[in-house]
Each structure stands twice: as structure tokens, then as C-alpha cells.
N, C-alpha and C. Protein backbone atom coordinates (compact mmCIF):
# COMPACT_ATOMS: atom_id res chain seq x y z
N MET A 1 204.76 -45.47 194.11
CA MET A 1 205.56 -46.55 194.08
C MET A 1 204.62 -47.45 195.70
N LYS A 2 203.76 -46.97 196.45
CA LYS A 2 202.67 -47.63 197.07
C LYS A 2 201.61 -48.57 196.49
N ARG A 3 201.16 -47.52 195.59
CA ARG A 3 200.73 -48.01 195.02
C ARG A 3 201.47 -49.78 194.03
N ILE A 4 202.07 -49.73 193.30
CA ILE A 4 202.50 -50.64 192.94
C ILE A 4 202.82 -51.79 193.89
N VAL A 5 203.51 -51.63 195.06
CA VAL A 5 203.80 -52.54 196.16
C VAL A 5 202.54 -52.88 196.52
N ALA A 6 201.50 -52.24 196.70
CA ALA A 6 200.03 -52.93 197.00
C ALA A 6 199.24 -53.67 195.86
N LEU A 7 199.47 -53.37 194.58
CA LEU A 7 199.18 -54.27 193.73
C LEU A 7 199.95 -55.69 193.62
N THR A 8 200.98 -55.61 193.56
CA THR A 8 202.02 -56.25 193.83
C THR A 8 201.39 -57.85 194.83
N LEU A 9 201.30 -57.25 196.24
CA LEU A 9 201.24 -58.05 197.06
C LEU A 9 199.28 -58.42 196.93
N LEU A 10 198.70 -57.72 196.34
CA LEU A 10 197.24 -58.07 196.26
C LEU A 10 197.42 -59.23 195.08
N SER A 11 198.24 -59.15 194.50
CA SER A 11 198.04 -60.23 192.99
C SER A 11 198.64 -61.39 193.66
N LEU A 12 200.24 -61.47 194.33
CA LEU A 12 200.32 -62.67 194.77
C LEU A 12 199.43 -63.20 195.83
N PHE A 13 198.39 -62.04 196.72
CA PHE A 13 197.41 -63.01 197.56
C PHE A 13 196.50 -63.83 196.67
N SER A 14 196.30 -63.49 196.14
CA SER A 14 195.13 -63.69 194.77
C SER A 14 195.21 -65.41 194.41
N VAL A 15 196.85 -65.28 193.66
CA VAL A 15 197.26 -66.24 193.31
C VAL A 15 197.05 -67.43 194.11
N SER A 16 197.76 -67.14 195.54
CA SER A 16 197.71 -68.14 196.43
C SER A 16 196.37 -68.64 197.07
N MET A 17 195.78 -68.11 197.13
CA MET A 17 194.83 -68.25 197.24
C MET A 17 193.69 -69.44 196.26
N LEU A 18 193.74 -69.19 194.81
CA LEU A 18 193.36 -69.80 193.92
C LEU A 18 194.10 -71.19 193.64
N SER A 19 195.42 -71.00 194.14
CA SER A 19 196.16 -72.67 194.02
C SER A 19 195.25 -73.21 195.23
N ALA A 20 195.36 -72.49 196.00
CA ALA A 20 195.08 -73.65 197.42
C ALA A 20 193.69 -74.10 197.27
N CYS A 21 192.60 -73.07 196.71
CA CYS A 21 191.11 -74.11 196.25
C CYS A 21 191.04 -74.63 195.21
N ASN A 22 192.63 -74.88 194.30
CA ASN A 22 192.34 -76.21 193.26
C ASN A 22 193.16 -77.60 193.99
N THR A 23 194.15 -76.86 195.22
CA THR A 23 194.58 -78.25 195.45
C THR A 23 193.84 -78.80 196.38
N MET A 24 192.27 -78.12 197.70
CA MET A 24 191.82 -78.56 198.12
C MET A 24 190.54 -79.00 197.50
N ALA A 25 190.27 -78.83 196.17
CA ALA A 25 189.50 -79.35 195.50
C ALA A 25 189.63 -80.84 195.20
N GLY A 26 191.36 -80.89 194.99
CA GLY A 26 191.82 -82.17 194.60
C GLY A 26 191.63 -82.95 195.14
N ALA A 27 191.99 -82.56 196.67
CA ALA A 27 192.11 -83.75 198.08
C ALA A 27 190.63 -84.06 198.18
N GLY A 28 189.60 -83.52 197.93
CA GLY A 28 188.42 -83.47 198.13
C GLY A 28 187.77 -84.69 197.50
N LYS A 29 187.93 -84.75 196.12
CA LYS A 29 188.14 -85.88 195.12
C LYS A 29 188.87 -87.05 195.82
N ASP A 30 190.07 -86.98 195.85
CA ASP A 30 191.05 -88.06 196.53
C ASP A 30 190.11 -88.66 197.44
N ILE A 31 189.20 -88.24 198.93
CA ILE A 31 188.70 -88.61 199.66
C ILE A 31 187.45 -89.26 199.32
N GLN A 32 187.14 -88.87 198.71
CA GLN A 32 185.73 -89.18 198.02
C GLN A 32 185.59 -90.48 197.38
N LYS A 33 187.22 -90.76 196.23
CA LYS A 33 187.17 -91.79 195.98
C LYS A 33 187.84 -93.02 196.37
N ALA A 34 188.50 -92.75 197.85
CA ALA A 34 188.87 -93.42 198.71
C ALA A 34 187.55 -93.88 199.61
N GLY A 35 186.67 -93.35 200.13
CA GLY A 35 185.50 -93.30 200.59
C GLY A 35 184.58 -94.32 199.68
N GLU A 36 184.72 -94.23 198.75
CA GLU A 36 183.68 -95.51 197.69
C GLU A 36 184.21 -96.48 197.75
N LYS A 37 185.55 -96.76 197.63
CA LYS A 37 186.09 -97.80 197.95
C LYS A 37 186.07 -98.76 198.97
N VAL A 38 186.01 -98.31 200.13
CA VAL A 38 185.68 -99.04 201.52
C VAL A 38 183.96 -99.29 201.65
N GLU A 39 183.25 -98.18 201.09
CA GLU A 39 181.78 -98.28 201.36
C GLU A 39 181.78 -99.74 200.00
N LYS A 40 182.44 -100.04 198.92
CA LYS A 40 182.42 -101.25 198.39
C LYS A 40 182.63 -102.29 199.00
N LYS A 41 184.11 -102.35 199.29
CA LYS A 41 184.56 -103.56 200.12
C LYS A 41 183.59 -103.73 201.62
N ALA A 42 182.82 -102.49 202.39
CA ALA A 42 181.66 -103.75 203.34
C ALA A 42 180.49 -103.67 202.97
N GLU A 43 180.12 -103.26 201.63
CA GLU A 43 179.09 -104.03 200.85
C GLU A 43 179.24 -105.44 200.49
N ASP A 44 180.65 -105.96 200.21
CA ASP A 44 181.28 -106.99 199.51
C ASP A 44 180.95 -107.90 200.67
N CYS A 45 181.79 -107.51 201.92
CA CYS A 45 181.54 -108.25 203.09
C CYS A 45 180.40 -108.64 203.98
N LYS A 46 179.40 -107.66 203.59
CA LYS A 46 178.23 -108.04 203.94
C LYS A 46 177.44 -109.00 203.22
N ASP A 47 177.83 -108.91 202.00
CA ASP A 47 177.10 -109.97 201.66
C ASP A 47 177.95 -111.36 201.76
N GLY A 48 178.97 -111.59 201.95
CA GLY A 48 179.75 -112.88 202.61
C GLY A 48 180.61 -113.00 201.58
N ARG A 49 181.45 -112.38 200.92
CA ARG A 49 182.21 -112.23 199.47
C ARG A 49 183.55 -111.97 200.15
N CYS A 50 183.88 -111.56 201.38
CA CYS A 50 184.82 -110.91 202.17
C CYS A 50 185.78 -111.84 202.32
């Protein structure tokens, strides 16, 4: 019985960690895209097209 409980807890922990990694990767991509837009806008203003 202890083995089943331990395996269940281990599998739940593994699933939660994997989903967290995917969430953080997605958030990183979103932040990167926002940074690229800010950078482009700064370049446009620098050239006098603001």
C-alpha cells in the first residue's frame, strides 16, 4: 500500500513539474515578443518616425 501511495505522489509531482515548465516557456516567449515590439518602437522613434 505504501508503494502505491508513493508512486501516486511521485507521478502527481512529475506531472505538475512538467506542466510548470511548459507554462514558463510560454511566458518567456510572450515576454520576448513584447520586448521585440518595444525595441522596434524605440528604433522608429530614434529615426524620427515616432
